[in-house]
Amino acid sequence: MSTVLFTCTDGEVSLPHLLLCDREDGGHLVVHPPREVWERSLLPPAELAAWSLLVAATGKTMLETTAGECQAIAQALARIWPAWAQVLPDAAR
């Protein structure tokens, strides 16, 4: 079972089950869409757009966080995600 760092209506950010790249090389996180799909193109446009913003926000927090510290990434996502989520119009949700 993977460790979940952040959850919102647009998806979930967790640590991978298997270490693909260690902290010194930047690390890895998994950003899951709001529901299980085999391929992201199967998500409706509004869900895909919201999930894509979550992916971008996760990447931004990883770049701003020293050595991929999980707790700092989780805190940064919790801080910036509400503002990023407001980018989507209500009709797209």
N, C-alpha and C. Protein backbone atom coordinates (compact mmCIF):
# COMPACT_ATOMS: atom_id res chain seq x y z
N MET A 1 0.85 -1.18 0.00
CA MET A 1 0.00 0.00 0.00
C MET A 1 0.89 1.24 0.00
N SER A 2 0.58 2.19 -0.89
CA SER A 2 1.40 3.39 -0.97
C SER A 2 0.95 4.43 0.05
N THR A 3 1.86 5.33 0.38
CA THR A 3 1.57 6.41 1.31
C THR A 3 0.95 7.57 0.56
N VAL A 4 -0.25 7.97 0.96
CA VAL A 4 -0.94 9.09 0.34
C VAL A 4 -0.46 10.38 0.99
N LEU A 5 -0.01 11.33 0.16
CA LEU A 5 0.48 12.61 0.66
C LEU A 5 -0.58 13.69 0.61
N PHE A 6 -1.47 13.62 -0.38
CA PHE A 6 -2.46 14.67 -0.57
C PHE A 6 -3.65 14.11 -1.32
N THR A 7 -4.84 14.50 -0.91
CA THR A 7 -6.07 14.07 -1.58
C THR A 7 -6.99 15.28 -1.73
N CYS A 8 -7.62 15.37 -2.90
CA CYS A 8 -8.62 16.40 -3.15
C CYS A 8 -9.63 15.83 -4.14
N THR A 9 -10.63 16.59 -4.51
CA THR A 9 -11.66 16.09 -5.42
C THR A 9 -11.11 15.81 -6.82
N ASP A 10 -9.96 16.40 -7.14
CA ASP A 10 -9.39 16.26 -8.48
C ASP A 10 -8.34 15.16 -8.59
N GLY A 11 -8.05 14.47 -7.49
CA GLY A 11 -7.09 13.37 -7.56
C GLY A 11 -6.38 13.14 -6.23
N GLU A 12 -5.33 12.36 -6.32
CA GLU A 12 -4.58 11.95 -5.14
C GLU A 12 -3.10 11.87 -5.48
N VAL A 13 -2.25 12.34 -4.57
CA VAL A 13 -0.80 12.28 -4.76
C VAL A 13 -0.24 11.31 -3.73
N SER A 14 0.55 10.35 -4.21
CA SER A 14 1.10 9.35 -3.30
C SER A 14 2.53 9.00 -3.68
N LEU A 15 3.18 8.30 -2.77
CA LEU A 15 4.50 7.76 -3.06
C LEU A 15 4.32 6.50 -3.89
N PRO A 16 5.25 6.21 -4.79
CA PRO A 16 5.13 4.98 -5.59
C PRO A 16 5.36 3.75 -4.72
N HIS A 17 4.80 2.62 -5.15
CA HIS A 17 5.01 1.36 -4.44
C HIS A 17 6.47 0.93 -4.55
N LEU A 18 7.07 1.21 -5.68
CA LEU A 18 8.44 0.80 -5.97
C LEU A 18 9.30 2.04 -6.14
N LEU A 19 10.45 2.06 -5.49
CA LEU A 19 11.36 3.19 -5.61
C LEU A 19 11.97 3.20 -6.99
N LEU A 20 11.61 4.19 -7.79
CA LEU A 20 12.11 4.31 -9.14
C LEU A 20 13.32 5.23 -9.22
N CYS A 21 13.36 6.20 -8.35
CA CYS A 21 14.39 7.23 -8.38
C CYS A 21 14.48 7.78 -6.96
N ASP A 22 15.67 7.80 -6.37
CA ASP A 22 15.74 8.24 -4.97
C ASP A 22 15.72 9.77 -4.86
N ARG A 23 15.67 10.25 -3.62
CA ARG A 23 15.56 11.68 -3.36
C ARG A 23 16.68 12.49 -3.97
N GLU A 24 17.87 11.95 -3.94
CA GLU A 24 19.02 12.69 -4.47
C GLU A 24 18.90 12.93 -5.96
N ASP A 25 18.14 12.12 -6.65
CA ASP A 25 17.93 12.29 -8.09
C ASP A 25 16.59 12.94 -8.41
N GLY A 26 15.92 13.48 -7.41
CA GLY A 26 14.67 14.19 -7.64
C GLY A 26 13.43 13.47 -7.14
N GLY A 27 13.51 12.16 -7.03
CA GLY A 27 12.38 11.39 -6.52
C GLY A 27 11.23 11.26 -7.50
N HIS A 28 10.21 10.52 -7.09
CA HIS A 28 9.01 10.31 -7.89
C HIS A 28 7.80 10.40 -6.99
N LEU A 29 6.74 10.91 -7.54
CA LEU A 29 5.42 10.86 -6.91
C LEU A 29 4.44 10.37 -7.95
N VAL A 30 3.35 9.79 -7.49
CA VAL A 30 2.30 9.32 -8.40
C VAL A 30 1.09 10.21 -8.18
N VAL A 31 0.56 10.77 -9.28
CA VAL A 31 -0.64 11.60 -9.21
C VAL A 31 -1.77 10.83 -9.89
N HIS A 32 -2.70 10.35 -9.08
CA HIS A 32 -3.83 9.56 -9.57
C HIS A 32 -4.99 10.49 -9.94
N PRO A 33 -5.71 10.20 -11.02
CA PRO A 33 -6.90 10.98 -11.33
C PRO A 33 -8.01 10.69 -10.31
N PRO A 34 -9.10 11.45 -10.37
CA PRO A 34 -10.16 11.31 -9.37
C PRO A 34 -10.85 9.95 -9.38
N ARG A 35 -10.74 9.23 -10.48
CA ARG A 35 -11.29 7.86 -10.52
C ARG A 35 -10.34 7.02 -11.37
N GLU A 36 -10.39 5.74 -11.17
CA GLU A 36 -9.48 4.84 -11.87
C GLU A 36 -9.84 4.74 -13.35
N VAL A 37 -8.86 5.01 -14.19
CA VAL A 37 -9.00 4.84 -15.64
C VAL A 37 -7.72 4.21 -16.15
N TRP A 38 -7.83 3.49 -17.24
CA TRP A 38 -6.66 2.83 -17.82
C TRP A 38 -5.76 3.84 -18.52
N GLU A 39 -6.37 4.86 -19.15
CA GLU A 39 -5.64 5.87 -19.92
C GLU A 39 -6.31 7.21 -19.67
N ARG A 40 -5.49 8.24 -19.48
CA ARG A 40 -6.04 9.54 -19.11
C ARG A 40 -7.01 10.12 -20.14
N SER A 41 -6.86 9.74 -21.40
CA SER A 41 -7.78 10.25 -22.43
C SER A 41 -9.22 9.76 -22.21
N LEU A 42 -9.41 8.79 -21.33
CA LEU A 42 -10.75 8.30 -21.02
C LEU A 42 -11.47 9.20 -20.02
N LEU A 43 -10.75 10.14 -19.41
CA LEU A 43 -11.40 11.09 -18.50
C LEU A 43 -12.16 12.12 -19.31
N PRO A 44 -13.33 12.55 -18.83
CA PRO A 44 -14.04 13.65 -19.50
C PRO A 44 -13.16 14.91 -19.47
N PRO A 45 -13.35 15.83 -20.40
CA PRO A 45 -12.50 17.01 -20.49
C PRO A 45 -12.35 17.79 -19.18
N ALA A 46 -13.42 17.99 -18.44
CA ALA A 46 -13.33 18.76 -17.20
C ALA A 46 -12.47 18.04 -16.16
N GLU A 47 -12.63 16.72 -16.03
CA GLU A 47 -11.82 15.95 -15.09
C GLU A 47 -10.36 15.92 -15.52
N LEU A 48 -10.12 15.79 -16.81
CA LEU A 48 -8.76 15.79 -17.33
C LEU A 48 -8.07 17.13 -17.06
N ALA A 49 -8.79 18.22 -17.27
CA ALA A 49 -8.21 19.55 -17.02
C ALA A 49 -7.88 19.74 -15.54
N ALA A 50 -8.79 19.35 -14.66
CA ALA A 50 -8.56 19.50 -13.22
C ALA A 50 -7.41 18.62 -12.77
N TRP A 51 -7.35 17.39 -13.25
CA TRP A 51 -6.27 16.47 -12.88
C TRP A 51 -4.93 16.97 -13.42
N SER A 52 -4.94 17.52 -14.62
CA SER A 52 -3.71 18.06 -15.21
C SER A 52 -3.15 19.21 -14.38
N LEU A 53 -4.05 20.06 -13.84
CA LEU A 53 -3.59 21.13 -12.95
C LEU A 53 -2.97 20.55 -11.68
N LEU A 54 -3.55 19.47 -11.16
CA LEU A 54 -2.99 18.82 -9.98
C LEU A 54 -1.60 18.27 -10.29
N VAL A 55 -1.44 17.67 -11.47
CA VAL A 55 -0.12 17.18 -11.88
C VAL A 55 0.88 18.33 -11.93
N ALA A 56 0.48 19.45 -12.51
CA ALA A 56 1.36 20.61 -12.61
C ALA A 56 1.69 21.17 -11.23
N ALA A 57 0.70 21.25 -10.35
CA ALA A 57 0.93 21.77 -9.00
C ALA A 57 1.88 20.85 -8.24
N THR A 58 1.74 19.55 -8.44
CA THR A 58 2.62 18.59 -7.79
C THR A 58 4.06 18.76 -8.28
N GLY A 59 4.22 18.92 -9.59
CA GLY A 59 5.56 19.15 -10.13
C GLY A 59 6.17 20.42 -9.60
N LYS A 60 5.38 21.48 -9.51
CA LYS A 60 5.87 22.75 -8.97
C LYS A 60 6.34 22.59 -7.53
N THR A 61 5.55 21.90 -6.72
CA THR A 61 5.95 21.72 -5.32
C THR A 61 7.20 20.86 -5.20
N MET A 62 7.35 19.87 -6.08
CA MET A 62 8.57 19.05 -6.04
C MET A 62 9.80 19.88 -6.37
N LEU A 63 9.67 20.78 -7.35
CA LEU A 63 10.80 21.63 -7.73
C LEU A 63 11.16 22.62 -6.63
N GLU A 64 10.16 23.04 -5.87
CA GLU A 64 10.39 24.02 -4.81
C GLU A 64 10.76 23.39 -3.48
N THR A 65 10.69 22.09 -3.37
CA THR A 65 10.92 21.40 -2.10
C THR A 65 12.30 20.76 -2.11
N THR A 66 13.05 20.98 -1.07
CA THR A 66 14.40 20.45 -0.97
C THR A 66 14.39 18.93 -0.90
N ALA A 67 15.09 18.32 -1.82
CA ALA A 67 15.34 16.87 -1.82
C ALA A 67 14.07 16.03 -1.74
N GLY A 68 12.95 16.51 -2.24
CA GLY A 68 11.73 15.71 -2.28
C GLY A 68 11.20 15.29 -0.93
N GLU A 69 11.30 16.15 0.08
CA GLU A 69 10.82 15.80 1.41
C GLU A 69 9.30 15.66 1.38
N CYS A 70 8.81 14.50 1.69
CA CYS A 70 7.39 14.17 1.56
C CYS A 70 6.49 15.10 2.36
N GLN A 71 6.84 15.37 3.59
CA GLN A 71 6.00 16.22 4.43
C GLN A 71 5.91 17.63 3.85
N ALA A 72 7.02 18.15 3.36
CA ALA A 72 7.03 19.49 2.79
C ALA A 72 6.20 19.53 1.51
N ILE A 73 6.27 18.47 0.72
CA ILE A 73 5.47 18.40 -0.51
C ILE A 73 3.99 18.39 -0.17
N ALA A 74 3.60 17.59 0.80
CA ALA A 74 2.20 17.52 1.21
C ALA A 74 1.70 18.88 1.71
N GLN A 75 2.52 19.57 2.51
CA GLN A 75 2.13 20.88 3.02
C GLN A 75 2.03 21.91 1.91
N ALA A 76 2.97 21.87 0.98
CA ALA A 76 2.96 22.82 -0.13
C ALA A 76 1.73 22.61 -1.02
N LEU A 77 1.39 21.35 -1.29
CA LEU A 77 0.20 21.07 -2.09
C LEU A 77 -1.06 21.56 -1.38
N ALA A 78 -1.15 21.32 -0.09
CA ALA A 78 -2.32 21.77 0.66
C ALA A 78 -2.43 23.29 0.64
N ARG A 79 -1.29 23.97 0.59
CA ARG A 79 -1.28 25.43 0.57
C ARG A 79 -1.65 25.99 -0.80
N ILE A 80 -1.08 25.43 -1.89
CA ILE A 80 -1.30 26.04 -3.20
C ILE A 80 -2.48 25.48 -3.97
N TRP A 81 -2.92 24.26 -3.66
CA TRP A 81 -3.95 23.64 -4.49
C TRP A 81 -5.26 24.42 -4.54
N PRO A 82 -5.77 24.97 -3.44
CA PRO A 82 -7.04 25.70 -3.54
C PRO A 82 -6.98 26.84 -4.55
N ALA A 83 -5.88 27.56 -4.63
CA ALA A 83 -5.75 28.65 -5.59
C ALA A 83 -5.70 28.11 -7.02
N TRP A 84 -4.98 27.04 -7.24
CA TRP A 84 -4.89 26.44 -8.58
C TRP A 84 -6.25 25.91 -9.00
N ALA A 85 -6.97 25.32 -8.08
CA ALA A 85 -8.27 24.73 -8.41
C ALA A 85 -9.26 25.80 -8.84
N GLN A 86 -9.10 27.03 -8.37
CA GLN A 86 -10.01 28.10 -8.73
C GLN A 86 -9.84 28.54 -10.18
N VAL A 87 -8.77 28.13 -10.82
CA VAL A 87 -8.54 28.46 -12.22
C VAL A 87 -9.63 27.86 -13.10
N LEU A 88 -10.12 26.70 -12.71
CA LEU A 88 -11.17 26.05 -13.49
C LEU A 88 -12.51 26.73 -13.26
N PRO A 89 -13.22 27.05 -14.33
CA PRO A 89 -14.55 27.63 -14.13
C PRO A 89 -15.49 26.59 -13.49
N ASP A 90 -16.48 27.07 -12.80
CA ASP A 90 -17.44 26.17 -12.14
C ASP A 90 -18.09 25.22 -13.13
N ALA A 91 -18.33 25.66 -14.34
CA ALA A 91 -18.98 24.83 -15.34
C ALA A 91 -18.12 23.63 -15.74
N ALA A 92 -16.80 23.74 -15.55
CA ALA A 92 -15.90 22.64 -15.94
C ALA A 92 -15.82 21.58 -14.86
N ARG A 93 -16.34 21.84 -13.71
CA ARG A 93 -16.24 20.89 -12.60
C ARG A 93 -17.39 19.94 -12.59
